[in-house]
């Protein structure tokens, strides 16, 4: 196993401190493209809004079936 040292802003270090034992898992999931249903749904909606849809397009929009689970 390799030990790594990182320099982080104080506020980020404080947020990560409680996750210390889980950081390798968090990093691995991030690198493999781990997405929760919530993040996938948010990404869909942000993608829609980024297209500057018309009001009618927004009213007609439905998230994917997977997002509706």
PDB file of N, CA and C in Angstrom:
ATOM      1  N   UNK A   1       0.850  -1.173   0.000  1.00  0.00           N
ATOM      2  CA  UNK A   1       0.000   0.000   0.000  1.00  0.00           C
ATOM      3  C   UNK A   1       0.892   1.231   0.000  1.00  0.00           C
ATOM      4  N   UNK A   2       0.482   2.259  -0.709  1.00  0.00           N
ATOM      5  CA  UNK A   2       1.233   3.499  -0.819  1.00  0.00           C
ATOM      6  C   UNK A   2       0.607   4.531   0.111  1.00  0.00           C
ATOM      7  N   UNK A   3       1.430   5.258   0.819  1.00  0.00           N
ATOM      8  CA  UNK A   3       0.942   6.354   1.644  1.00  0.00           C
ATOM      9  C   UNK A   3       1.125   7.648   0.875  1.00  0.00           C
ATOM     10  N   UNK A   4       0.074   8.484   0.844  1.00  0.00           N
ATOM     11  CA  UNK A   4       0.122   9.750   0.113  1.00  0.00           C
ATOM     12  C   UNK A   4      -0.181  10.896   1.073  1.00  0.00           C
ATOM     13  N   UNK A   5       0.475  12.001   0.847  1.00  0.00           N
ATOM     14  CA  UNK A   5       0.237  13.210   1.626  1.00  0.00           C
ATOM     15  C   UNK A   5      -0.294  14.279   0.682  1.00  0.00           C
ATOM     16  N   UNK A   6      -1.339  14.993   1.128  1.00  0.00           N
ATOM     17  CA  UNK A   6      -1.943  16.032   0.298  1.00  0.00           C
ATOM     18  C   UNK A   6      -2.020  17.327   1.087  1.00  0.00           C
ATOM     19  N   UNK A   7      -1.916  18.421   0.380  1.00  0.00           N
ATOM     20  CA  UNK A   7      -2.144  19.716   0.984  1.00  0.00           C
ATOM     21  C   UNK A   7      -3.545  20.166   0.592  1.00  0.00           C
ATOM     22  N   UNK A   8      -4.362  20.470   1.597  1.00  0.00           N
ATOM     23  CA  UNK A   8      -5.745  20.854   1.369  1.00  0.00           C
ATOM     24  C   UNK A   8      -6.050  22.153   2.091  1.00  0.00           C
ATOM     25  N   UNK A   9      -6.990  22.917   1.580  1.00  0.00           N
ATOM     26  CA  UNK A   9      -7.440  24.085   2.332  1.00  0.00           C
ATOM     27  C   UNK A   9      -8.030  23.621   3.669  1.00  0.00           C
ATOM     28  N   UNK A  10      -7.894  24.439   4.683  1.00  0.00           N
ATOM     29  CA  UNK A  10      -8.358  24.064   6.025  1.00  0.00           C
ATOM     30  C   UNK A  10      -9.824  23.642   6.041  1.00  0.00           C
ATOM     31  N   UNK A  11     -10.681  24.384   5.335  1.00  0.00           N
ATOM     32  CA  UNK A  11     -12.109  24.061   5.366  1.00  0.00           C
ATOM     33  C   UNK A  11     -12.398  22.692   4.735  1.00  0.00           C
ATOM     34  N   UNK A  12     -11.686  22.347   3.676  1.00  0.00           N
ATOM     35  CA  UNK A  12     -11.872  21.036   3.057  1.00  0.00           C
ATOM     36  C   UNK A  12     -11.339  19.936   3.963  1.00  0.00           C
ATOM     37  N   UNK A  13     -10.204  20.173   4.584  1.00  0.00           N
ATOM     38  CA  UNK A  13      -9.637  19.188   5.511  1.00  0.00           C
ATOM     39  C   UNK A  13     -10.608  18.890   6.648  1.00  0.00           C
ATOM     40  N   UNK A  14     -11.267  19.919   7.163  1.00  0.00           N
ATOM     41  CA  UNK A  14     -12.243  19.720   8.242  1.00  0.00           C
ATOM     42  C   UNK A  14     -13.437  18.905   7.768  1.00  0.00           C
ATOM     43  N   UNK A  15     -13.861  19.119   6.540  1.00  0.00           N
ATOM     44  CA  UNK A  15     -14.982  18.350   5.996  1.00  0.00           C
ATOM     45  C   UNK A  15     -14.597  16.889   5.782  1.00  0.00           C
ATOM     46  N   UNK A  16     -13.351  16.649   5.418  1.00  0.00           N
ATOM     47  CA  UNK A  16     -12.902  15.281   5.132  1.00  0.00           C
ATOM     48  C   UNK A  16     -12.492  14.508   6.376  1.00  0.00           C
ATOM     49  N   UNK A  17     -12.166  15.204   7.432  1.00  0.00           N
ATOM     50  CA  UNK A  17     -11.682  14.536   8.649  1.00  0.00           C
ATOM     51  C   UNK A  17     -12.601  13.409   9.119  1.00  0.00           C
ATOM     52  N   UNK A  18     -13.925  13.598   9.195  1.00  0.00           N
ATOM     53  CA  UNK A  18     -14.788  12.497   9.642  1.00  0.00           C
ATOM     54  C   UNK A  18     -14.803  11.298   8.688  1.00  0.00           C
ATOM     55  N   UNK A  19     -14.400  11.516   7.441  1.00  0.00           N
ATOM     56  CA  UNK A  19     -14.398  10.444   6.440  1.00  0.00           C
ATOM     57  C   UNK A  19     -13.048   9.747   6.330  1.00  0.00           C
ATOM     58  N   UNK A  20     -12.132  10.084   7.199  1.00  0.00           N
ATOM     59  CA  UNK A  20     -10.748   9.626   7.079  1.00  0.00           C
ATOM     60  C   UNK A  20     -10.622   8.143   6.736  1.00  0.00           C
ATOM     61  N   UNK A  21     -11.324   7.297   7.425  1.00  0.00           N
ATOM     62  CA  UNK A  21     -11.232   5.861   7.170  1.00  0.00           C
ATOM     63  C   UNK A  21     -11.851   5.429   5.857  1.00  0.00           C
ATOM     64  N   UNK A  22     -12.697   6.273   5.298  1.00  0.00           N
ATOM     65  CA  UNK A  22     -13.410   5.940   4.062  1.00  0.00           C
ATOM     66  C   UNK A  22     -12.826   6.620   2.829  1.00  0.00           C
ATOM     67  N   UNK A  23     -11.833   7.471   3.001  1.00  0.00           N
ATOM     68  CA  UNK A  23     -11.303   8.228   1.863  1.00  0.00           C
ATOM     69  C   UNK A  23     -10.834   7.351   0.702  1.00  0.00           C
ATOM     70  N   UNK A  24     -10.140   6.246   0.935  1.00  0.00           N
ATOM     71  CA  UNK A  24      -9.761   5.410  -0.214  1.00  0.00           C
ATOM     72  C   UNK A  24     -10.987   4.937  -1.011  1.00  0.00           C
ATOM     73  N   UNK A  25     -12.052   4.570  -0.327  1.00  0.00           N
ATOM     74  CA  UNK A  25     -13.266   4.126  -1.012  1.00  0.00           C
ATOM     75  C   UNK A  25     -13.919   5.269  -1.760  1.00  0.00           C
ATOM     76  N   UNK A  26     -14.004   6.433  -1.130  1.00  0.00           N
ATOM     77  CA  UNK A  26     -14.589   7.605  -1.779  1.00  0.00           C
ATOM     78  C   UNK A  26     -13.815   7.949  -3.047  1.00  0.00           C
ATOM     79  N   UNK A  27     -12.498   7.949  -2.968  1.00  0.00           N
ATOM     80  CA  UNK A  27     -11.676   8.246  -4.140  1.00  0.00           C
ATOM     81  C   UNK A  27     -11.867   7.206  -5.240  1.00  0.00           C
ATOM     82  N   UNK A  28     -11.913   5.953  -4.845  1.00  0.00           N
ATOM     83  CA  UNK A  28     -12.090   4.890  -5.846  1.00  0.00           C
ATOM     84  C   UNK A  28     -13.438   5.020  -6.547  1.00  0.00           C
ATOM     85  N   UNK A  29     -14.495   5.282  -5.785  1.00  0.00           N
ATOM     86  CA  UNK A  29     -15.812   5.438  -6.390  1.00  0.00           C
ATOM     87  C   UNK A  29     -15.854   6.636  -7.322  1.00  0.00           C
ATOM     88  N   UNK A  30     -15.190   7.695  -6.956  1.00  0.00           N
ATOM     89  CA  UNK A  30     -15.141   8.887  -7.795  1.00  0.00           C
ATOM     90  C   UNK A  30     -14.422   8.592  -9.105  1.00  0.00           C
ATOM     91  N   UNK A  31     -13.320   7.879  -9.029  1.00  0.00           N
ATOM     92  CA  UNK A  31     -12.543   7.572 -10.229  1.00  0.00           C
ATOM     93  C   UNK A  31     -13.255   6.615 -11.166  1.00  0.00           C
ATOM     94  N   UNK A  32     -14.145   5.797 -10.636  1.00  0.00           N
ATOM     95  CA  UNK A  32     -14.861   4.842 -11.486  1.00  0.00           C
ATOM     96  C   UNK A  32     -16.168   5.400 -12.009  1.00  0.00           C
ATOM     97  N   UNK A  33     -16.413   6.683 -11.752  1.00  0.00           N
ATOM     98  CA  UNK A  33     -17.626   7.295 -12.274  1.00  0.00           C
ATOM     99  C   UNK A  33     -18.862   6.963 -11.468  1.00  0.00           C
ATOM    100  N   UNK A  34     -18.699   6.692 -10.186  1.00  0.00           N
ATOM    101  CA  UNK A  34     -19.832   6.376  -9.313  1.00  0.00           C
ATOM    102  C   UNK A  34     -20.852   7.500  -9.364  1.00  0.00           C
ATOM    103  N   UNK A  35     -22.086   7.150  -9.634  1.00  0.00           N
ATOM    104  CA  UNK A  35     -23.159   8.129  -9.635  1.00  0.00           C
ATOM    105  C   UNK A  35     -24.342   7.551  -8.889  1.00  0.00           C
ATOM    106  N   UNK A  36     -24.935   8.360  -8.062  1.00  0.00           N
ATOM    107  CA  UNK A  36     -26.167   7.949  -7.404  1.00  0.00           C
ATOM    108  C   UNK A  36     -27.335   8.331  -8.299  1.00  0.00           C
ATOM    109  N   UNK A  37     -28.470   7.796  -7.990  1.00  0.00           N
ATOM    110  CA  UNK A  37     -29.665   8.142  -8.752  1.00  0.00           C
ATOM    111  C   UNK A  37     -29.940   9.641  -8.644  1.00  0.00           C
ATOM    112  N   UNK A  38     -29.665  10.204  -7.480  1.00  0.00           N
ATOM    113  CA  UNK A  38     -29.879  11.637  -7.287  1.00  0.00           C
ATOM    114  C   UNK A  38     -28.983  12.454  -8.198  1.00  0.00           C
ATOM    115  N   UNK A  39     -27.708  12.094  -8.291  1.00  0.00           N
ATOM    116  CA  UNK A  39     -26.804  12.870  -9.149  1.00  0.00           C
ATOM    117  C   UNK A  39     -27.157  12.691 -10.619  1.00  0.00           C
ATOM    118  N   UNK A  40     -27.578  11.498 -10.999  1.00  0.00           N
ATOM    119  CA  UNK A  40     -27.980  11.278 -12.388  1.00  0.00           C
ATOM    120  C   UNK A  40     -29.208  12.113 -12.739  1.00  0.00           C
ATOM    121  N   UNK A  41     -30.177  12.165 -11.828  1.00  0.00           N
ATOM    122  CA  UNK A  41     -31.385  12.955 -12.060  1.00  0.00           C
ATOM    123  C   UNK A  41     -31.037  14.437 -12.134  1.00  0.00           C
ATOM    124  N   UNK A  42     -30.213  14.896 -11.213  1.00  0.00           N
ATOM    125  CA  UNK A  42     -29.793  16.301 -11.229  1.00  0.00           C
ATOM    126  C   UNK A  42     -29.083  16.637 -12.528  1.00  0.00           C
ATOM    127  N   UNK A  43     -28.227  15.744 -12.991  1.00  0.00           N
ATOM    128  CA  UNK A  43     -27.500  15.961 -14.239  1.00  0.00           C
ATOM    129  C   UNK A  43     -28.472  16.060 -15.411  1.00  0.00           C
ATOM    130  N   UNK A  44     -29.498  15.215 -15.418  1.00  0.00           N
ATOM    131  CA  UNK A  44     -30.512  15.288 -16.479  1.00  0.00           C
ATOM    132  C   UNK A  44     -31.198  16.648 -16.487  1.00  0.00           C
ATOM    133  N   UNK A  45     -31.598  17.105 -15.322  1.00  0.00           N
ATOM    134  CA  UNK A  45     -32.339  18.371 -15.230  1.00  0.00           C
ATOM    135  C   UNK A  45     -31.439  19.549 -15.584  1.00  0.00           C
ATOM    136  N   UNK A  46     -30.214  19.530 -15.102  1.00  0.00           N
ATOM    137  CA  UNK A  46     -29.269  20.595 -15.443  1.00  0.00           C
ATOM    138  C   UNK A  46     -29.005  20.604 -16.942  1.00  0.00           C
ATOM    139  N   UNK A  47     -28.896  19.408 -17.524  1.00  0.00           N
ATOM    140  CA  UNK A  47     -28.708  19.314 -18.970  1.00  0.00           C
ATOM    141  C   UNK A  47     -29.863  19.945 -19.728  1.00  0.00           C
ATOM    142  N   UNK A  48     -31.076  19.718 -19.265  1.00  0.00           N
ATOM    143  CA  UNK A  48     -32.244  20.336 -19.887  1.00  0.00           C
ATOM    144  C   UNK A  48     -32.168  21.856 -19.768  1.00  0.00           C
ATOM    145  N   UNK A  49     -31.912  22.345 -18.562  1.00  0.00           N
ATOM    146  CA  UNK A  49     -31.885  23.795 -18.346  1.00  0.00           C
ATOM    147  C   UNK A  49     -30.758  24.469 -19.119  1.00  0.00           C
ATOM    148  N   UNK A  50     -29.679  23.747 -19.362  1.00  0.00           N
ATOM    149  CA  UNK A  50     -28.554  24.310 -20.111  1.00  0.00           C
ATOM    150  C   UNK A  50     -28.904  24.566 -21.576  1.00  0.00           C
ATOM    151  N   UNK A  51     -29.957  23.924 -22.058  1.00  0.00           N
ATOM    152  CA  UNK A  51     -30.368  24.126 -23.450  1.00  0.00           C
ATOM    153  C   UNK A  51     -31.267  25.343 -23.622  1.00  0.00           C
ATOM    154  N   UNK A  52     -31.513  26.069 -22.539  1.00  0.00           N
ATOM    155  CA  UNK A  52     -32.408  27.232 -22.556  1.00  0.00           C
ATOM    156  C   UNK A  52     -33.759  26.858 -23.170  1.00  0.00           C
ATOM    157  N   UNK A  53     -34.440  25.903 -22.544  1.00  0.00           N
ATOM    158  CA  UNK A  53     -35.705  25.423 -23.098  1.00  0.00           C
ATOM    159  C   UNK A  53     -36.812  26.478 -22.984  1.00  0.00           C
ATOM    160  N   UNK A  54     -37.790  26.314 -23.822  1.00  0.00           N
ATOM    161  CA  UNK A  54     -38.964  27.187 -23.743  1.00  0.00           C
ATOM    162  C   UNK A  54     -39.793  26.769 -22.520  1.00  0.00           C
ATOM    163  N   UNK A  55     -40.665  27.640 -22.055  1.00  0.00           N
ATOM    164  CA  UNK A  55     -41.535  27.246 -20.940  1.00  0.00           C
ATOM    165  C   UNK A  55     -42.335  25.978 -21.249  1.00  0.00           C
ATOM    166  N   UNK A  56     -42.791  25.852 -22.481  1.00  0.00           N
ATOM    167  CA  UNK A  56     -43.560  24.664 -22.848  1.00  0.00           C
ATOM    168  C   UNK A  56     -42.695  23.407 -22.798  1.00  0.00           C
ATOM    169  N   UNK A  57     -41.450  23.522 -23.246  1.00  0.00           N
ATOM    170  CA  UNK A  57     -40.544  22.380 -23.201  1.00  0.00           C
ATOM    171  C   UNK A  57     -40.336  21.921 -21.759  1.00  0.00           C
ATOM    172  N   UNK A  58     -40.222  22.872 -20.849  1.00  0.00           N
ATOM    173  CA  UNK A  58     -40.059  22.521 -19.430  1.00  0.00           C
ATOM    174  C   UNK A  58     -41.304  21.813 -18.917  1.00  0.00           C
ATOM    175  N   UNK A  59     -42.477  22.324 -19.283  1.00  0.00           N
ATOM    176  CA  UNK A  59     -43.721  21.682 -18.849  1.00  0.00           C
ATOM    177  C   UNK A  59     -43.855  20.263 -19.395  1.00  0.00           C
ATOM    178  N   UNK A  60     -43.371  20.044 -20.602  1.00  0.00           N
ATOM    179  CA  UNK A  60     -43.488  18.736 -21.256  1.00  0.00           C
ATOM    180  C   UNK A  60     -42.396  17.751 -20.829  1.00  0.00           C
ATOM    181  N   UNK A  61     -41.378  18.236 -20.161  1.00  0.00           N
ATOM    182  CA  UNK A  61     -40.211  17.410 -19.841  1.00  0.00           C
ATOM    183  C   UNK A  61     -40.527  16.370 -18.767  1.00  0.00           C
ATOM    184  N   UNK A  62     -39.984  15.188 -18.961  1.00  0.00           N
ATOM    185  CA  UNK A  62     -40.050  14.113 -17.959  1.00  0.00           C
ATOM    186  C   UNK A  62     -38.656  13.532 -17.823  1.00  0.00           C
ATOM    187  N   UNK A  63     -38.234  13.308 -16.577  1.00  0.00           N
ATOM    188  CA  UNK A  63     -36.926  12.673 -16.388  1.00  0.00           C
ATOM    189  C   UNK A  63     -37.031  11.223 -16.846  1.00  0.00           C
ATOM    190  N   UNK A  64     -35.874  10.592 -17.016  1.00  0.00           N
ATOM    191  CA  UNK A  64     -35.841   9.211 -17.494  1.00  0.00           C
ATOM    192  C   UNK A  64     -36.571   8.276 -16.548  1.00  0.00           C
ATOM    193  N   UNK A  65     -36.946   7.112 -17.057  1.00  0.00           N
ATOM    194  CA  UNK A  65     -37.609   6.108 -16.217  1.00  0.00           C
ATOM    195  C   UNK A  65     -36.754   5.750 -15.013  1.00  0.00           C
ATOM    196  N   UNK A  66     -35.452   5.615 -15.231  1.00  0.00           N
ATOM    197  CA  UNK A  66     -34.560   5.271 -14.126  1.00  0.00           C
ATOM    198  C   UNK A  66     -34.635   6.314 -13.020  1.00  0.00           C
ATOM    199  N   UNK A  67     -34.718   7.583 -13.374  1.00  0.00           N
ATOM    200  CA  UNK A  67     -34.766   8.656 -12.386  1.00  0.00           C
ATOM    201  C   UNK A  67     -36.081   8.634 -11.611  1.00  0.00           C
ATOM    202  N   UNK A  68     -37.092   8.030 -12.172  1.00  0.00           N
ATOM    203  CA  UNK A  68     -38.401   7.993 -11.522  1.00  0.00           C
ATOM    204  C   UNK A  68     -38.566   6.820 -10.563  1.00  0.00           C
ATOM    205  N   UNK A  69     -37.558   5.974 -10.452  1.00  0.00           N
ATOM    206  CA  UNK A  69     -37.654   4.804  -9.558  1.00  0.00           C
ATOM    207  C   UNK A  69     -37.740   5.209  -8.116  1.00  0.00           C
TER     208      UNK A  69
END
